[in-house]
Protein backbone atom coordinates (compact mmCIF):
# COMPACT_ATOMS: atom_id res chain seq x y z
CA LEU A 1 -4.36 -19.67 31.50
CA PRO A 2 -5.74 -23.21 30.72
CA MET A 3 -9.18 -22.56 32.26
CA PHE A 4 -9.50 -19.43 30.08
CA ASP A 5 -8.35 -20.99 26.79
CA ASN A 6 -11.84 -21.58 25.49
CA LEU A 7 -13.04 -18.10 26.50
CA PHE A 8 -10.44 -16.28 24.43
CA GLU A 9 -10.84 -18.67 21.52
CA VAL A 10 -14.61 -18.07 21.62
CA LEU A 11 -14.00 -14.31 21.64
CA TRP A 12 -11.69 -14.72 18.65
CA LEU A 13 -14.36 -16.75 16.84
CA GLY A 14 -16.96 -14.07 17.62
CA GLY A 15 -14.68 -11.42 16.17
CA LEU A 16 -14.14 -13.55 13.06
CA VAL A 17 -17.91 -13.65 12.52
CA VAL A 18 -18.13 -9.87 12.94
CA GLY A 19 -15.25 -9.30 10.52
CA PHE A 20 -16.81 -11.56 7.90
CA ALA A 21 -20.19 -9.86 8.31
CA VAL A 22 -18.65 -6.42 7.74
CA ARG A 23 -16.66 -7.52 4.70
CA SER A 24 -19.45 -9.62 3.13
CA ARG A 25 -21.93 -6.75 3.31
CA HIS A 26 -19.62 -4.42 1.42
CA GLY A 27 -18.50 -7.20 -0.89
CA ARG A 28 -22.13 -7.64 -1.98
CA ARG A 29 -22.38 -3.91 -2.58
CA TYR A 30 -19.22 -3.98 -4.70
CA ARG A 31 -20.66 -6.76 -6.87
CA ARG A 32 -24.10 -5.15 -7.02
CA GLU A 33 -22.81 -1.76 -8.21
CA PRO A 34 -20.34 -2.51 -11.01
CA ARG A 35 -18.27 0.47 -12.12
CA ALA A 36 -15.43 0.64 -14.59
CA ALA A 37 -11.88 0.76 -13.24
CA LEU A 38 -10.22 3.99 -14.37
CA GLN A 39 -6.85 2.82 -13.06
CA SER A 40 -5.77 -0.62 -11.94
CA LYS A 41 -2.49 -1.77 -10.43
CA GLU A 42 -3.60 -5.36 -9.91
CA THR A 43 -0.87 -7.96 -10.40
CA PRO A 44 -0.71 -11.76 -10.12
CA LEU A 45 1.09 -11.30 -6.81
CA ASP A 46 -1.93 -9.37 -5.49
CA ARG A 47 -4.09 -12.39 -6.22
CA ILE A 48 -1.62 -14.72 -4.54
CA LEU A 49 -1.42 -12.51 -1.44
CA THR A 50 -5.20 -12.25 -1.28
CA VAL A 51 -5.60 -16.03 -1.38
CA SER A 52 -2.79 -16.58 1.13
CA GLY A 53 -4.56 -14.19 3.49
CA SER A 54 -7.13 -16.89 4.19
CA PHE A 55 -4.47 -18.81 6.15
CA GLY A 56 -4.58 -16.02 8.72
CA PHE A 57 -7.90 -17.33 10.01
CA LEU A 58 -7.91 -20.90 8.67
CA LEU A 59 -4.94 -21.98 10.79
CA PRO A 60 -6.56 -20.74 14.02
CA LEU A 61 -9.69 -22.69 13.06
CA VAL A 62 -7.53 -25.78 12.60
CA HIS A 63 -5.97 -25.16 16.01
CA ILE A 64 -9.33 -24.69 17.73
CA PHE A 65 -11.17 -27.63 16.17
CA SER A 66 -8.39 -30.20 15.84
CA PRO A 67 -5.30 -31.38 17.79
CA TRP A 68 -2.99 -31.05 14.76
CA LEU A 69 -1.14 -27.93 15.96
CA VAL A 70 -1.06 -28.69 19.68
CA PHE A 71 2.72 -29.26 19.54
CA ALA A 72 3.14 -25.50 18.99
CA ASP A 73 1.01 -24.35 21.95
CA TYR A 74 2.28 -21.88 24.53
CA GLN A 75 0.92 -20.20 27.64
CA ILE A 76 -0.32 -16.60 27.82
CA PRO A 77 -0.92 -14.65 31.05
CA VAL A 78 -4.59 -13.80 31.48
CA TRP A 79 -3.83 -10.07 31.65
CA ALA A 80 -2.03 -10.27 28.29
CA ALA A 81 -4.96 -12.12 26.74
CA TRP A 82 -7.31 -9.35 27.85
CA ILE A 83 -5.00 -6.82 26.21
CA GLY A 84 -5.40 -8.95 23.10
CA VAL A 85 -9.18 -8.67 23.41
CA ALA A 86 -8.90 -4.87 23.54
CA ILE A 87 -6.61 -4.74 20.50
CA TYR A 88 -8.88 -7.14 18.63
CA ALA A 89 -11.95 -5.03 19.41
CA ALA A 90 -10.14 -1.89 18.25
CA GLY A 91 -9.19 -3.60 15.00
CA LEU A 92 -12.75 -4.78 14.33
CA TRP A 93 -14.12 -1.31 15.08
CA LEU A 94 -11.59 0.25 12.72
CA LEU A 95 -12.48 -2.28 10.01
CA TRP A 96 -16.16 -1.41 10.37
CA ARG A 97 -15.61 2.37 10.36
CA SER A 98 -13.28 2.11 7.37
CA HIS A 99 -15.93 0.34 5.34
CA VAL A 100 -18.70 2.69 6.45
CA GLU A 101 -16.75 5.83 5.58
CA LEU A 102 -15.31 4.47 2.34
CA GLY A 103 -18.77 3.30 1.26
CA ALA A 104 -19.13 2.66 -2.46
CA ASN A 105 -15.49 3.70 -2.98
CA TRP A 106 -14.28 0.39 -1.50
CA SER A 107 -12.75 -2.19 -3.79
CA PRO A 108 -11.03 -5.47 -2.90
CA TRP A 109 -8.45 -4.73 -5.60
CA VAL A 110 -5.83 -2.04 -6.18
CA GLU A 111 -7.88 0.16 -8.49
CA ILE A 112 -9.56 3.53 -8.94
CA ARG A 113 -13.19 3.07 -9.92
CA GLU A 114 -15.40 5.35 -11.96
CA SER A 115 -16.83 8.27 -9.92
CA GLN A 116 -14.54 7.44 -7.00
CA GLY A 117 -13.83 10.30 -4.63
CA LEU A 118 -11.01 11.00 -2.20
CA VAL A 119 -12.32 10.09 1.25
CA THR A 120 -10.80 12.21 4.04
CA ARG A 121 -13.51 12.09 6.72
CA GLY A 122 -13.76 10.07 9.92
CA VAL A 123 -10.90 7.65 10.49
CA TYR A 124 -9.56 8.63 7.06
CA GLY A 125 -8.98 12.10 8.51
CA HIS A 126 -6.22 10.60 10.67
CA ILE A 127 -4.80 7.68 8.66
CA ARG A 128 -4.89 7.01 4.94
CA HIS A 129 -5.12 3.21 5.11
CA PRO A 130 -7.24 2.37 8.18
CA MET A 131 -8.43 -0.91 6.67
CA TYR A 132 -4.88 -2.21 6.50
CA ALA A 133 -4.26 -0.84 9.99
CA ALA A 134 -7.30 -2.80 11.19
CA HIS A 135 -5.85 -6.03 9.86
CA VAL A 136 -2.49 -5.28 11.46
CA LEU A 137 -4.28 -4.82 14.81
CA TRP A 138 -6.03 -8.15 14.22
CA GLY A 139 -2.65 -9.73 13.54
CA LEU A 140 -1.18 -8.25 16.73
CA ALA A 141 -4.13 -9.42 18.84
CA GLN A 142 -4.33 -12.96 17.50
CA PRO A 143 -1.23 -14.42 19.24
CA LEU A 144 -2.61 -13.08 22.52
CA LEU A 145 -5.91 -14.91 21.97
CA ILE A 146 -4.75 -18.05 20.13
CA ALA A 147 -1.92 -19.53 22.19
CA ASN A 148 -0.13 -21.30 19.38
CA TRP A 149 3.06 -20.32 17.56
CA ILE A 150 1.63 -21.25 14.17
CA ALA A 151 -2.05 -20.31 14.43
CA GLY A 152 -1.49 -17.31 16.66
CA PHE A 153 0.97 -15.57 14.36
CA ALA A 154 -0.68 -16.67 11.11
CA MET A 155 -2.60 -13.43 10.56
CA LEU A 156 0.41 -11.20 11.14
CA ALA A 157 2.48 -13.38 8.81
CA VAL A 158 0.06 -12.92 5.92
CA VAL A 159 -0.98 -9.31 6.58
CA LEU A 160 2.46 -7.71 6.73
CA PRO A 161 3.48 -8.74 3.19
CA VAL A 162 0.15 -7.45 1.87
CA VAL A 163 0.65 -4.09 3.57
CA ALA A 164 4.27 -3.81 2.44
CA TYR A 165 3.39 -4.64 -1.17
CA ARG A 166 0.07 -2.87 -1.69
CA VAL A 167 0.18 0.33 0.34
CA PRO A 168 3.01 2.07 -1.58
CA ARG A 169 1.39 1.14 -4.90
CA GLU A 170 -2.00 2.42 -3.76
CA GLU A 171 -0.35 5.65 -2.65
CA ARG A 172 1.22 6.18 -6.06
CA MET A 173 -2.06 5.42 -7.81
CA LEU A 174 -4.05 7.82 -5.61
CA LEU A 175 -1.45 10.55 -6.13
CA SER A 176 -1.57 10.00 -9.89
CA HIS A 177 -5.38 10.22 -9.94
CA PHE A 178 -6.13 12.91 -7.35
CA GLY A 179 -2.93 14.95 -7.68
CA ASP A 180 -2.55 17.94 -5.36
CA ALA A 181 -5.67 17.00 -3.36
CA HIS A 182 -4.08 13.72 -2.31
CA ARG A 183 -0.70 15.36 -1.77
CA ALA A 184 -2.24 17.89 0.65
CA TYR A 185 -4.22 15.14 2.38
CA ALA A 186 -1.10 12.99 2.80
CA GLU A 187 0.82 15.86 4.43
CA GLY A 188 -1.48 15.82 7.46
CA THR A 189 -2.13 12.10 7.87
CA GLY A 190 -0.15 8.94 8.50
CA ARG A 191 -0.29 5.81 6.42
CA LEU A 192 -1.21 3.38 9.21
CA ILE A 193 -0.95 5.41 12.42
CA PRO A 194 -1.97 9.05 13.01
CA ARG A 195 0.69 11.72 12.76
CA LEU A 196 1.55 13.52 15.97
CA ARG A 197 1.12 16.87 14.28
CA GLY A 198 -1.57 17.81 11.81
CA ARG A 199 -1.33 19.94 8.73
CA SER A 200 0.83 23.00 9.07
């Protein structure tokens, strides 16, 4: 794989730019359209996990632009790296669609905002937390694109605790706010992957 190292790192960097562009656009919208939080489950640990999430992409940048992590390099077959590209692309697409379909309902925090609706269209018609699923896909793809035990697995290492901590709390908050509508929606969808069978 040595001759392809730069190619897959460049593709990873390109995806990072796309991911930041998607998030920054909706982040500006969130700040531009302030609405009161009707419910909030934000905790200090949420803040810590959010900050720690930056290591998921900072460590790969360290690996790419410095020799500091070279001791943890490994080799990846080219075919496996291309599988990583496909997974990465799927994750970025899912991140984009999640933001588009969630629209003004998106918040970076665990909260229900004023006038927020229950989104069940598009990718939300199959999974309830596609944005988290997108980051899991990113985490799975990264060690196939960044051939380093530390930088490659950094995203997965920071994303999984976020998903494990936040998703159940978001579910409880949504159920509390939307009641039977969310309960019926949850019966036909999966949290992170689609259910094999739809609503009965």
